[in-house]
Structure formats: C-alpha cells, structure tokens
Amino acid sequence: MSLLAKKTGNGQDIPPIDSGTYHAVCYLVVDLGTQYNAIFDHKAHKVVIGWEIPELRIQWEKDNVPRDMPRAISKIYTLSLHEKSNLTKDLICWRGRAFTEEEEQGFDILSIIGANCILQVIQTKKGDKTYANVVGVSKMMKNMQKVKQENATVTYSMETNGLVIPETLPDWMRDIIRKSEEYRGDRNDTSNPDLEETGQASSAAMSQDEEDDIPF
C-alpha cells in the first residue's frame, strides 16, 4: 500500500486544542482525492494527515469499558512535493532535511505513520466558532524521548483501496472523499497537483546516526 506525493462525532462537546507546542505522533494518512476549489477555480489532489497528542487525554466509555486516549488533530494538504507546497515545507521541517531528486519523483507519505514530531497549534476564530489549526511541524529536539502510537493506524489510498471508503473514517472525511472527482467518476487531465490553496531544521548537516532516527 502506498500514497505517493510527487513533484509536479462521539456525542461529546470537546473544546478545541489550546494554542501551543506539542509532542505528537502521526497515526493517520487519508487520501481525499482530487478536489475542486470554486474560490480559486482550480482542482488539486488532497490528503489529510492526523496526529495524536499523548499529553492531552480524552476519556469516554465504549461497550461499558472506560477508555483513555490521546486527543487528535489533523491538517489537509495538497498531495505535492512542489517546493512551494505546504506539504513539502512541513515534511522538510519534520525530517530535518530536504528531499533528494529521487524522493521528489515519488515519496510515499504513508511512511510517516508512527513518526514523532513537534506540532505548533494556533487557535483561530471565525464568527462564533473557534478552531485549532496546525501551523507548524518540526523534528523533535535531539534528546527528546520518542513515544509509541496509541491510536490504531488509519490509512486510505484510492490507488490501493479503490473507492471503498473505510467505515472507520470520521463523517467529515467521508463527505470530502465523496466529493472527489475519482469518487464521482469524472476525473480528467486538467488537474494541477502543484497548486496549493492559500490558508491553511537545523542548517548544519546531520550525521548518519541522526538520519537513521527519522523513519521516513
């Protein structure tokens, strides 16, 4: 199973995550397909990346069994390694190094599952609603202890899984996938994966040992 980026509700009233810097682990990578943006009049292949934040917990009960799991947060990207894309910028900061020419021809972003990082979260208000947005992703500091993923891995790739949307995905992701050209069956060659929507490392060379700490 792969998802290549190339250069070319639970009934609870849960408040948004507070602004701040958090140690996080990637547990979710979901293909949203080719989406049309009417505001900018363009289409692009989208993907959502999700992280769990171990220090922020949520408790609930399922089948009479108490549960205690990390809070989660996600960000939607254009699936592109164009130098100006948000995905490229965040992955470079997360990896602590630039992409090689070979990686730019097809980097499997499913490889980031289980990877630790530092997230910068900022709350923003729109009308009477407050949202928590991931505005920065970076590599952990050298002496930080890695943590293991707690949530079950969630992945979906149209190329591998076809159009059978996993039931485990939240409704808002399933709704976006259903709006994709692939799901509606009318994809054509006019999409430009290098277009990025507006909105949403150390300069020293790393040693080989430091590079081996990065799983992607």
Protein backbone atom coordinates (compact mmCIF):
# COMPACT_ATOMS: atom_id res chain seq x y z
CA MET A 1 0.00 0.00 0.00
CA SER A 2 1.35 3.43 -0.90
CA LEU A 3 0.32 7.04 -1.34
CA LEU A 4 2.88 8.91 -3.37
CA ALA A 5 3.46 12.65 -3.32
CA LYS A 6 5.34 13.78 -6.40
CA LYS A 7 6.94 16.99 -7.55
CA THR A 8 4.81 18.07 -10.49
CA GLY A 9 -18.65 12.58 16.13
CA ASN A 10 -18.72 10.89 19.58
CA GLY A 11 -21.51 12.98 21.13
CA GLN A 12 -19.18 14.91 23.40
CA ASP A 13 -18.80 18.67 23.36
CA ILE A 14 -14.99 18.74 23.10
CA PRO A 15 -13.27 22.15 23.16
CA PRO A 16 -10.60 22.83 20.52
CA ILE A 17 -6.99 22.16 21.46
CA ASP A 18 -5.32 25.17 23.05
CA SER A 19 -2.66 27.13 21.19
CA GLY A 20 0.78 25.79 21.98
CA THR A 21 3.62 23.43 21.11
CA TYR A 22 3.02 19.71 21.49
CA HIS A 23 4.86 16.40 21.13
CA ALA A 24 2.80 14.40 18.63
CA VAL A 25 2.73 11.10 16.75
CA CYS A 26 1.32 10.60 13.25
CA TYR A 27 -1.37 7.91 13.14
CA LEU A 28 -3.50 8.88 10.13
CA VAL A 29 -2.90 9.50 6.41
CA VAL A 30 -6.03 9.59 4.23
CA ASP A 31 -6.36 10.21 0.50
CA LEU A 32 -9.15 12.74 -0.17
CA GLY A 33 -8.87 12.55 -3.96
CA THR A 34 -8.99 15.40 -6.46
CA GLN A 35 -11.00 18.31 -5.07
CA TYR A 36 -12.30 21.39 -6.88
CA ASN A 37 -11.94 24.79 -5.18
CA ALA A 38 -14.55 27.19 -6.55
CA ILE A 39 -12.98 30.22 -4.85
CA PHE A 40 -9.65 29.78 -6.66
CA ASP A 41 -11.19 27.94 -9.66
CA HIS A 42 -8.69 25.08 -9.60
CA LYS A 43 -8.53 21.44 -8.62
CA ALA A 44 -5.85 19.55 -6.74
CA HIS A 45 -5.27 16.15 -5.16
CA LYS A 46 -5.76 16.43 -1.39
CA VAL A 47 -4.63 14.35 1.57
CA VAL A 48 -5.25 14.68 5.31
CA ILE A 49 -2.58 13.91 7.91
CA GLY A 50 -3.59 13.26 11.52
CA TRP A 51 -1.60 13.28 14.74
CA GLU A 52 -2.29 12.18 18.31
CA ILE A 53 -1.04 14.33 21.20
CA PRO A 54 -0.21 12.00 24.13
CA GLU A 55 -0.14 14.73 26.79
CA LEU A 56 -3.75 15.73 26.03
CA ARG A 57 -6.19 12.97 27.01
CA ILE A 58 -9.84 12.26 26.39
CA GLN A 59 -11.92 9.77 28.37
CA TRP A 60 -15.08 8.02 27.29
CA GLU A 61 -16.81 4.67 27.60
CA LYS A 62 -17.38 2.07 24.89
CA ASP A 63 -19.13 -1.25 25.48
CA ASN A 64 -19.04 -0.47 29.21
CA VAL A 65 -15.25 -0.26 29.08
CA PRO A 66 -13.59 3.03 30.13
CA ARG A 67 -11.24 4.45 27.50
CA ASP A 68 -8.39 6.93 27.87
CA MET A 69 -6.76 8.03 24.61
CA PRO A 70 -4.79 11.00 23.23
CA ARG A 71 -6.53 13.99 21.67
CA ALA A 72 -6.10 14.17 17.90
CA ILE A 73 -5.69 16.93 15.31
CA SER A 74 -5.32 16.92 11.54
CA LYS A 75 -4.36 19.10 8.58
CA ILE A 76 -5.35 18.95 4.90
CA TYR A 77 -2.60 19.28 2.28
CA THR A 78 -2.25 19.23 -1.47
CA LEU A 79 -0.52 15.94 -2.34
CA SER A 80 2.50 17.55 -3.98
CA LEU A 81 6.23 17.93 -3.44
CA HIS A 82 6.33 21.22 -5.31
CA GLU A 83 8.81 23.46 -3.49
CA LYS A 84 6.06 25.94 -2.58
CA SER A 85 3.53 23.41 -1.27
CA ASN A 86 2.68 23.31 2.43
CA LEU A 87 3.25 19.54 2.46
CA THR A 88 6.83 19.97 1.25
CA LYS A 89 7.57 22.72 3.76
CA ASP A 90 6.19 20.73 6.69
CA LEU A 91 7.85 17.46 5.70
CA ILE A 92 11.24 19.13 5.28
CA CYS A 93 10.99 20.66 8.76
CA TRP A 94 9.75 17.34 10.15
CA ARG A 95 12.56 15.32 8.53
CA GLY A 96 15.22 17.92 9.19
CA ARG A 97 16.48 17.67 5.62
CA ALA A 98 15.43 18.37 2.06
CA PHE A 99 14.13 15.81 -0.40
CA THR A 100 16.51 14.15 -2.82
CA GLU A 101 15.73 14.25 -6.53
CA GLU A 102 14.86 10.57 -6.33
CA GLU A 103 12.39 11.16 -3.49
CA GLU A 104 10.77 14.00 -5.42
CA GLN A 105 9.79 11.52 -8.13
CA GLY A 106 7.64 9.55 -5.69
CA PHE A 107 7.72 9.84 -1.90
CA ASP A 108 5.32 7.52 -0.07
CA ILE A 109 3.77 9.67 2.64
CA LEU A 110 2.33 6.60 4.34
CA SER A 111 5.87 6.15 5.66
CA ILE A 112 5.22 8.95 8.18
CA ILE A 113 2.83 6.76 10.18
CA GLY A 114 4.21 6.32 13.69
CA ALA A 115 6.73 9.15 13.30
CA ASN A 116 7.16 11.55 16.22
CA CYS A 117 7.29 15.32 15.72
CA ILE A 118 6.63 18.69 17.32
CA LEU A 119 3.38 20.43 16.36
CA GLN A 120 2.66 24.14 16.61
CA VAL A 121 -1.08 24.66 17.14
CA ILE A 122 -2.85 28.02 16.93
CA GLN A 123 -6.49 28.73 17.72
CA THR A 124 -8.40 30.95 15.30
CA LYS A 125 -11.93 32.32 15.44
CA LYS A 126 -14.43 32.51 12.60
CA GLY A 127 -17.69 34.07 13.65
CA ASP A 128 -18.80 32.38 16.87
CA LYS A 129 -16.64 29.29 16.34
CA THR A 130 -13.07 28.60 17.46
CA TYR A 131 -10.79 26.24 15.53
CA ALA A 132 -7.42 24.67 16.36
CA ASN A 133 -5.07 24.67 13.36
CA VAL A 134 -1.69 23.03 12.84
CA VAL A 135 0.58 25.85 11.65
CA GLY A 136 3.96 24.16 12.02
CA VAL A 137 5.52 20.69 12.08
CA SER A 138 9.14 20.14 13.09
CA LYS A 139 11.64 17.47 14.05
CA MET A 140 12.00 16.58 17.71
CA MET A 141 14.95 18.01 19.58
CA LYS A 142 17.93 15.68 19.82
CA ASN A 143 17.45 14.47 23.43
CA MET A 144 13.67 14.11 23.36
CA GLN A 145 12.28 10.64 24.11
CA LYS A 146 10.10 9.14 21.40
CA VAL A 147 6.65 7.83 22.29
CA LYS A 148 4.70 4.99 20.73
CA GLN A 149 1.50 5.45 18.78
CA GLU A 150 -1.64 4.64 20.81
CA ASN A 151 -4.44 5.07 18.28
CA ALA A 152 -4.96 2.38 15.67
CA THR A 153 -3.34 3.27 12.35
CA VAL A 154 -5.78 4.85 9.89
CA THR A 155 -4.77 4.88 6.20
CA TYR A 156 -6.64 5.07 2.93
CA SER A 157 -5.32 5.32 -0.62
CA MET A 158 -7.63 5.40 -3.63
CA GLU A 159 -4.92 3.85 -5.79
CA THR A 160 -4.64 0.86 -3.46
CA ASN A 161 -8.08 0.62 -1.83
CA GLY A 162 -10.22 1.87 -4.68
CA LEU A 163 -13.40 3.75 -3.81
CA VAL A 164 -14.42 1.64 -0.83
CA ILE A 165 -14.25 4.28 1.91
CA PRO A 166 -13.32 2.80 5.31
CA GLU A 167 -16.15 2.92 7.84
CA THR A 168 -13.62 3.95 10.50
CA LEU A 169 -13.12 7.38 8.91
CA PRO A 170 -14.99 10.30 10.51
CA ASP A 171 -18.02 11.57 8.63
CA TRP A 172 -16.36 14.83 7.54
CA MET A 173 -13.55 12.92 5.78
CA ARG A 174 -16.00 10.54 4.13
CA ASP A 175 -18.06 13.53 2.90
CA ILE A 176 -14.98 15.16 1.32
CA ILE A 177 -13.95 11.89 -0.39
CA ARG A 178 -17.44 11.55 -1.88
CA LYS A 179 -16.98 15.00 -3.49
CA SER A 180 -13.74 13.98 -5.21
CA GLU A 181 -13.54 13.56 -8.98
CA GLU A 182 -12.37 9.99 -8.51
CA TYR A 183 -15.41 9.07 -6.44
CA ARG A 184 -17.81 10.85 -8.81
CA GLY A 185 -16.06 9.21 -11.77
CA ASP A 186 -15.34 12.37 -13.78
CA ARG A 187 -11.60 12.90 -13.30
CA ASN A 188 -9.76 14.35 -16.28
CA ASP A 189 -6.24 15.57 -17.06
CA THR A 190 -6.85 19.24 -16.22
CA SER A 191 -5.94 18.91 -12.53
CA ASN A 192 -2.74 20.55 -11.37
CA PRO A 193 -1.29 18.81 -8.29
CA ASP A 194 1.28 21.59 -7.84
CA LEU A 195 -1.33 24.21 -6.97
CA GLU A 196 -1.60 24.88 -3.23
CA GLU A 197 -4.56 26.54 -1.55
CA THR A 198 -3.95 29.71 0.39
CA GLY A 199 -4.72 29.25 4.05
CA GLN A 200 -4.42 26.55 5.94
CA ALA A 201 15.78 22.32 10.55
CA SER A 202 18.86 22.92 11.61
CA SER A 203 21.17 24.33 8.94
CA ALA A 204 24.00 22.00 9.96
CA ALA A 205 24.33 18.71 8.13
CA MET A 206 23.04 15.72 10.09
CA SER A 207 25.22 12.77 10.91
CA GLN A 208 24.26 9.33 9.61
CA ASP A 209 23.08 8.32 13.10
CA GLU A 210 20.73 11.31 13.27
CA GLU A 211 19.30 10.50 9.85
CA ASP A 212 18.61 6.92 10.95
CA ASP A 213 16.34 8.28 13.69
CA ILE A 214 13.93 9.59 11.02
CA PRO A 215 11.68 6.72 9.79
CA PHE A 216 10.84 8.50 6.52
